[in-house]
C-alpha cells in the first residue's frame, strides 16, 4: 500500500467517525440564511458561474457567498480567481494542512452547499468538518448522514438544483 492509498484510507476512517459523532449530536438550524459556503468541483466551474446564479436565486449579495473549489484538474483560471484545494492539502487522518481550507471549515455559515457529485473523500472531509448550520448536497446514499437536506436531480443539473434549493428553503422559511 502506498502513501496516497494509506492517506485516503485513514481520511475515510476519520470521516466515518465524524459522521457518527455528528449524527448523535443535535444540530442547530439557522433562523434565516445570511451567509453561504459553497463547495464546487473545478470541472463544474469552468462552464458555470455559480456565484452569480446562486446569489440571484437566494436573493443574497455576492459578498455573503464564499466559494472553495476542489481542483482535480489543473486550471489556471480557477486557481487565480477562486479559493482552491487539492488532495495535497490533507494529511493522514484527514488533517487539513492548508490555511484557506481551515478558514473555510472554521467559518460558521448558515448554509453549506456541496455541488460536488463525485465521491471524493477530500470534498467529504471539508463538508464534514464544516461548522455550517445547515448542509445541502446532491442526493447520495453514502453521504446521507452528512447533509441536513439532499436534492435529487437527474444528471446533476445545477440550475434545477438551485431552483429546487430556493423553493425548499422558502418552504422551510429560511430565506
C-alpha atoms as a PDB file:
ATOM      1  CA  UNK A   1       0.000   0.000   0.000  1.00  0.00           C
ATOM      2  CA  UNK A   2       1.481   3.344  -0.986  1.00  0.00           C
ATOM      3  CA  UNK A   3       1.271   6.570   0.986  1.00  0.00           C
ATOM      4  CA  UNK A   4      -1.600   8.030  -1.074  1.00  0.00           C
ATOM      5  CA  UNK A   5      -3.745   4.940  -0.523  1.00  0.00           C
ATOM      6  CA  UNK A   6      -2.963   4.963   3.187  1.00  0.00           C
ATOM      7  CA  UNK A   7      -3.808   8.678   3.417  1.00  0.00           C
ATOM      8  CA  UNK A   8      -7.159   8.089   1.684  1.00  0.00           C
ATOM      9  CA  UNK A   9      -7.960   5.123   3.912  1.00  0.00           C
ATOM     10  CA  UNK A  10      -7.199   6.988   7.139  1.00  0.00           C
ATOM     11  CA  UNK A  11      -9.110  10.030   5.873  1.00  0.00           C
ATOM     12  CA  UNK A  12     -12.106   7.830   5.103  1.00  0.00           C
ATOM     13  CA  UNK A  13     -11.954   6.330   8.621  1.00  0.00           C
ATOM     14  CA  UNK A  14     -11.817   9.811  10.144  1.00  0.00           C
ATOM     15  CA  UNK A  15     -14.762  10.923   8.007  1.00  0.00           C
ATOM     16  CA  UNK A  16     -16.872   7.923   9.074  1.00  0.00           C
ATOM     17  CA  UNK A  17     -16.059   8.546  12.741  1.00  0.00           C
ATOM     18  CA  UNK A  18     -17.021  12.228  12.469  1.00  0.00           C
ATOM     19  CA  UNK A  19     -20.304  11.391  10.718  1.00  0.00           C
ATOM     20  CA  UNK A  20     -21.252   9.053  13.585  1.00  0.00           C
ATOM     21  CA  UNK A  21     -20.432  11.790  16.120  1.00  0.00           C
ATOM     22  CA  UNK A  22     -22.475  14.389  14.242  1.00  0.00           C
ATOM     23  CA  UNK A  23     -25.423  12.032  13.966  1.00  0.00           C
ATOM     24  CA  UNK A  24     -25.560  11.734  17.757  1.00  0.00           C
ATOM     25  CA  UNK A  25     -25.127  15.453  18.410  1.00  0.00           C
ATOM     26  CA  UNK A  26     -28.068  17.799  17.888  1.00  0.00           C
ATOM     27  CA  UNK A  27     -27.922  20.343  15.089  1.00  0.00           C
ATOM     28  CA  UNK A  28     -28.918  23.985  15.155  1.00  0.00           C
ATOM     29  CA  UNK A  29     -30.858  25.197  12.157  1.00  0.00           C
ATOM     30  CA  UNK A  30     -30.370  28.878  11.299  1.00  0.00           C
ATOM     31  CA  UNK A  31     -33.311  31.225  11.635  1.00  0.00           C
ATOM     32  CA  UNK A  32     -32.603  32.917   8.303  1.00  0.00           C
ATOM     33  CA  UNK A  33     -29.842  32.240   5.823  1.00  0.00           C
ATOM     34  CA  UNK A  34     -27.448  35.162   5.554  1.00  0.00           C
ATOM     35  CA  UNK A  35     -24.090  33.512   4.745  1.00  0.00           C
ATOM     36  CA  UNK A  36     -23.399  30.650   2.348  1.00  0.00           C
ATOM     37  CA  UNK A  37     -20.338  28.458   1.908  1.00  0.00           C
ATOM     38  CA  UNK A  38     -20.076  26.681  -1.439  1.00  0.00           C
ATOM     39  CA  UNK A  39     -18.058  23.569  -2.271  1.00  0.00           C
ATOM     40  CA  UNK A  40     -17.603  23.046  -6.008  1.00  0.00           C
ATOM     41  CA  UNK A  41     -15.580  20.981  -8.447  1.00  0.00           C
ATOM     42  CA  UNK A  42     -13.168  22.649 -10.867  1.00  0.00           C
ATOM     43  CA  UNK A  43     -14.709  20.739 -13.796  1.00  0.00           C
ATOM     44  CA  UNK A  44     -18.057  22.325 -12.994  1.00  0.00           C
ATOM     45  CA  UNK A  45     -16.684  25.803 -12.537  1.00  0.00           C
ATOM     46  CA  UNK A  46     -15.093  26.056 -15.962  1.00  0.00           C
ATOM     47  CA  UNK A  47     -18.510  26.186 -17.578  1.00  0.00           C
ATOM     48  CA  UNK A  48     -20.773  27.738 -14.962  1.00  0.00           C
ATOM     49  CA  UNK A  49     -20.845  30.901 -12.852  1.00  0.00           C
ATOM     50  CA  UNK A  50     -22.135  29.556  -9.553  1.00  0.00           C
ATOM     51  CA  UNK A  51     -21.831  32.770  -7.552  1.00  0.00           C
ATOM     52  CA  UNK A  52     -23.951  34.963  -9.831  1.00  0.00           C
ATOM     53  CA  UNK A  53     -26.675  32.366 -10.301  1.00  0.00           C
ATOM     54  CA  UNK A  54     -26.808  31.384  -6.642  1.00  0.00           C
ATOM     55  CA  UNK A  55     -26.874  34.938  -5.301  1.00  0.00           C
ATOM     56  CA  UNK A  56     -29.833  35.679  -7.603  1.00  0.00           C
ATOM     57  CA  UNK A  57     -31.731  32.525  -6.610  1.00  0.00           C
ATOM     58  CA  UNK A  58     -31.201  33.033  -2.875  1.00  0.00           C
ATOM     59  CA  UNK A  59     -31.500  36.822  -3.070  1.00  0.00           C
ATOM     60  CA  UNK A  60     -28.191  37.324  -1.270  1.00  0.00           C
ATOM     61  CA  UNK A  61     -25.329  39.697  -2.107  1.00  0.00           C
ATOM     62  CA  UNK A  62     -22.147  38.180  -3.609  1.00  0.00           C
ATOM     63  CA  UNK A  63     -20.158  39.181  -0.518  1.00  0.00           C
ATOM     64  CA  UNK A  64     -22.226  36.725   1.573  1.00  0.00           C
ATOM     65  CA  UNK A  65     -21.066  33.783  -0.561  1.00  0.00           C
ATOM     66  CA  UNK A  66     -17.717  32.103  -0.043  1.00  0.00           C
ATOM     67  CA  UNK A  67     -16.661  29.545  -2.621  1.00  0.00           C
ATOM     68  CA  UNK A  68     -13.942  26.935  -2.358  1.00  0.00           C
ATOM     69  CA  UNK A  69     -13.169  24.679  -5.289  1.00  0.00           C
ATOM     70  CA  UNK A  70     -11.774  21.161  -5.267  1.00  0.00           C
ATOM     71  CA  UNK A  71      -9.207  21.225  -8.022  1.00  0.00           C
ATOM     72  CA  UNK A  72      -8.883  17.833  -9.638  1.00  0.00           C
ATOM     73  CA  UNK A  73      -7.793  19.383 -12.945  1.00  0.00           C
ATOM     74  CA  UNK A  74      -5.046  21.993 -13.109  1.00  0.00           C
ATOM     75  CA  UNK A  75      -6.833  25.125 -14.269  1.00  0.00           C
ATOM     76  CA  UNK A  76      -5.054  28.481 -14.070  1.00  0.00           C
ATOM     77  CA  UNK A  77      -8.297  30.474 -14.354  1.00  0.00           C
ATOM     78  CA  UNK A  78      -9.835  28.723 -11.343  1.00  0.00           C
ATOM     79  CA  UNK A  79      -6.629  28.989  -9.295  1.00  0.00           C
ATOM     80  CA  UNK A  80      -6.233  32.716  -9.990  1.00  0.00           C
ATOM     81  CA  UNK A  81      -9.821  33.726  -9.280  1.00  0.00           C
ATOM     82  CA  UNK A  82     -11.064  31.353  -6.596  1.00  0.00           C
ATOM     83  CA  UNK A  83     -10.103  29.705  -3.357  1.00  0.00           C
ATOM     84  CA  UNK A  84      -8.997  26.142  -4.253  1.00  0.00           C
ATOM     85  CA  UNK A  85      -7.804  22.966  -2.591  1.00  0.00           C
ATOM     86  CA  UNK A  86      -6.396  19.630  -3.714  1.00  0.00           C
ATOM     87  CA  UNK A  87      -5.726  16.293  -2.055  1.00  0.00           C
ATOM     88  CA  UNK A  88      -2.218  17.586  -1.251  1.00  0.00           C
ATOM     89  CA  UNK A  89      -3.828  19.946   1.282  1.00  0.00           C
ATOM     90  CA  UNK A  90      -4.657  16.972   3.529  1.00  0.00           C
ATOM     91  CA  UNK A  91      -2.504  14.760   5.694  1.00  0.00           C
ATOM     92  CA  UNK A  92      -3.097  11.497   7.471  1.00  0.00           C
ATOM     93  CA  UNK A  93      -6.470  11.013   9.188  1.00  0.00           C
ATOM     94  CA  UNK A  94      -7.972  13.900   7.240  1.00  0.00           C
ATOM     95  CA  UNK A  95      -5.777  16.545   8.870  1.00  0.00           C
ATOM     96  CA  UNK A  96      -6.093  19.799   6.953  1.00  0.00           C
ATOM     97  CA  UNK A  97      -2.745  21.384   6.122  1.00  0.00           C
ATOM     98  CA  UNK A  98      -3.839  24.435   4.085  1.00  0.00           C
ATOM     99  CA  UNK A  99      -4.864  27.706   5.761  1.00  0.00           C
ATOM    100  CA  UNK A 100      -7.529  28.530   3.162  1.00  0.00           C
ATOM    101  CA  UNK A 101      -9.285  25.201   3.789  1.00  0.00           C
ATOM    102  CA  UNK A 102      -9.034  25.646   7.574  1.00  0.00           C
ATOM    103  CA  UNK A 103     -10.547  29.118   7.263  1.00  0.00           C
ATOM    104  CA  UNK A 104     -13.405  27.736   5.185  1.00  0.00           C
ATOM    105  CA  UNK A 105     -14.289  24.876   7.556  1.00  0.00           C
ATOM    106  CA  UNK A 106     -13.974  27.087  10.641  1.00  0.00           C
ATOM    107  CA  UNK A 107     -16.460  29.663   9.330  1.00  0.00           C
ATOM    108  CA  UNK A 108     -19.982  29.327  10.728  1.00  0.00           C
ATOM    109  CA  UNK A 109     -22.014  29.610   7.548  1.00  0.00           C
ATOM    110  CA  UNK A 110     -25.766  29.488   7.777  1.00  0.00           C
ATOM    111  CA  UNK A 111     -25.779  27.222   4.715  1.00  0.00           C
ATOM    112  CA  UNK A 112     -23.188  24.938   3.110  1.00  0.00           C
ATOM    113  CA  UNK A 113     -23.904  23.796  -0.437  1.00  0.00           C
ATOM    114  CA  UNK A 114     -21.881  20.940  -1.889  1.00  0.00           C
ATOM    115  CA  UNK A 115     -22.081  20.913  -5.691  1.00  0.00           C
ATOM    116  CA  UNK A 116     -19.561  18.094  -5.995  1.00  0.00           C
ATOM    117  CA  UNK A 117     -21.277  14.992  -7.247  1.00  0.00           C
ATOM    118  CA  UNK A 118     -18.180  12.843  -7.110  1.00  0.00           C
ATOM    119  CA  UNK A 119     -17.401  10.754  -4.081  1.00  0.00           C
ATOM    120  CA  UNK A 120     -14.092  12.453  -3.329  1.00  0.00           C
ATOM    121  CA  UNK A 121     -13.044  11.771   0.253  1.00  0.00           C
ATOM    122  CA  UNK A 122     -11.387  15.197   0.419  1.00  0.00           C
ATOM    123  CA  UNK A 123     -14.577  17.050  -0.516  1.00  0.00           C
ATOM    124  CA  UNK A 124     -16.442  14.949   2.056  1.00  0.00           C
ATOM    125  CA  UNK A 125     -13.835  15.855   4.682  1.00  0.00           C
ATOM    126  CA  UNK A 126     -14.361  19.572   4.069  1.00  0.00           C
ATOM    127  CA  UNK A 127     -18.132  19.119   4.299  1.00  0.00           C
ATOM    128  CA  UNK A 128     -17.907  17.004   7.461  1.00  0.00           C
ATOM    129  CA  UNK A 129     -15.541  19.391   9.202  1.00  0.00           C
ATOM    130  CA  UNK A 130     -17.509  22.494   8.192  1.00  0.00           C
ATOM    131  CA  UNK A 131     -19.181  24.359  11.045  1.00  0.00           C
ATOM    132  CA  UNK A 132     -22.114  25.286   8.791  1.00  0.00           C
ATOM    133  CA  UNK A 133     -25.510  25.168  10.486  1.00  0.00           C
ATOM    134  CA  UNK A 134     -27.379  23.666   7.526  1.00  0.00           C
ATOM    135  CA  UNK A 135     -25.763  21.438   4.876  1.00  0.00           C
ATOM    136  CA  UNK A 136     -27.207  20.662   1.461  1.00  0.00           C
ATOM    137  CA  UNK A 137     -25.968  18.481  -1.380  1.00  0.00           C
ATOM    138  CA  UNK A 138     -26.929  16.190  -4.219  1.00  0.00           C
ATOM    139  CA  UNK A 139     -28.793  13.071  -3.130  1.00  0.00           C
ATOM    140  CA  UNK A 140     -26.228  10.384  -2.424  1.00  0.00           C
ATOM    141  CA  UNK A 141     -26.954   7.310  -0.346  1.00  0.00           C
ATOM    142  CA  UNK A 142     -23.425   7.057   1.070  1.00  0.00           C
ATOM    143  CA  UNK A 143     -23.480  10.676   2.296  1.00  0.00           C
ATOM    144  CA  UNK A 144     -26.999  10.862   3.697  1.00  0.00           C
ATOM    145  CA  UNK A 145     -25.728  11.350   7.263  1.00  0.00           C
ATOM    146  CA  UNK A 146     -23.629  14.307   6.170  1.00  0.00           C
ATOM    147  CA  UNK A 147     -26.421  16.526   4.849  1.00  0.00           C
ATOM    148  CA  UNK A 148     -29.412  18.054   6.559  1.00  0.00           C
ATOM    149  CA  UNK A 149     -31.146  18.188   3.194  1.00  0.00           C
ATOM    150  CA  UNK A 150     -30.445  16.404  -0.089  1.00  0.00           C
ATOM    151  CA  UNK A 151     -31.846  17.194  -3.504  1.00  0.00           C
ATOM    152  CA  UNK A 152     -32.154  14.545  -6.171  1.00  0.00           C
ATOM    153  CA  UNK A 153     -31.539  15.995  -9.609  1.00  0.00           C
ATOM    154  CA  UNK A 154     -31.114  13.843 -12.682  1.00  0.00           C
ATOM    155  CA  UNK A 155     -27.769  14.451 -14.343  1.00  0.00           C
ATOM    156  CA  UNK A 156     -26.632  16.853 -11.597  1.00  0.00           C
ATOM    157  CA  UNK A 157     -28.063  19.902 -13.358  1.00  0.00           C
ATOM    158  CA  UNK A 158     -27.040  22.929 -11.334  1.00  0.00           C
ATOM    159  CA  UNK A 159     -29.869  25.255 -12.453  1.00  0.00           C
ATOM    160  CA  UNK A 160     -32.508  22.692 -11.485  1.00  0.00           C
ATOM    161  CA  UNK A 161     -30.693  22.072  -8.186  1.00  0.00           C
ATOM    162  CA  UNK A 162     -30.631  25.816  -7.402  1.00  0.00           C
ATOM    163  CA  UNK A 163     -34.314  26.204  -8.278  1.00  0.00           C
ATOM    164  CA  UNK A 164     -35.243  23.297  -6.003  1.00  0.00           C
ATOM    165  CA  UNK A 165     -32.969  24.566  -3.242  1.00  0.00           C
ATOM    166  CA  UNK A 166     -34.534  28.046  -3.305  1.00  0.00           C
ATOM    167  CA  UNK A 167     -38.027  26.536  -3.338  1.00  0.00           C
ATOM    168  CA  UNK A 168     -37.379  24.309  -0.323  1.00  0.00           C
ATOM    169  CA  UNK A 169     -35.563  26.987   1.641  1.00  0.00           C
ATOM    170  CA  UNK A 170     -38.644  29.194   1.129  1.00  0.00           C
ATOM    171  CA  UNK A 171     -40.903  26.377   2.328  1.00  0.00           C
ATOM    172  CA  UNK A 172     -38.686  25.880   5.398  1.00  0.00           C
ATOM    173  CA  UNK A 173     -38.848  29.671   5.946  1.00  0.00           C
ATOM    174  CA  UNK A 174     -35.066  30.015   5.877  1.00  0.00           C
ATOM    175  CA  UNK A 175     -34.944  32.741   3.209  1.00  0.00           C
END
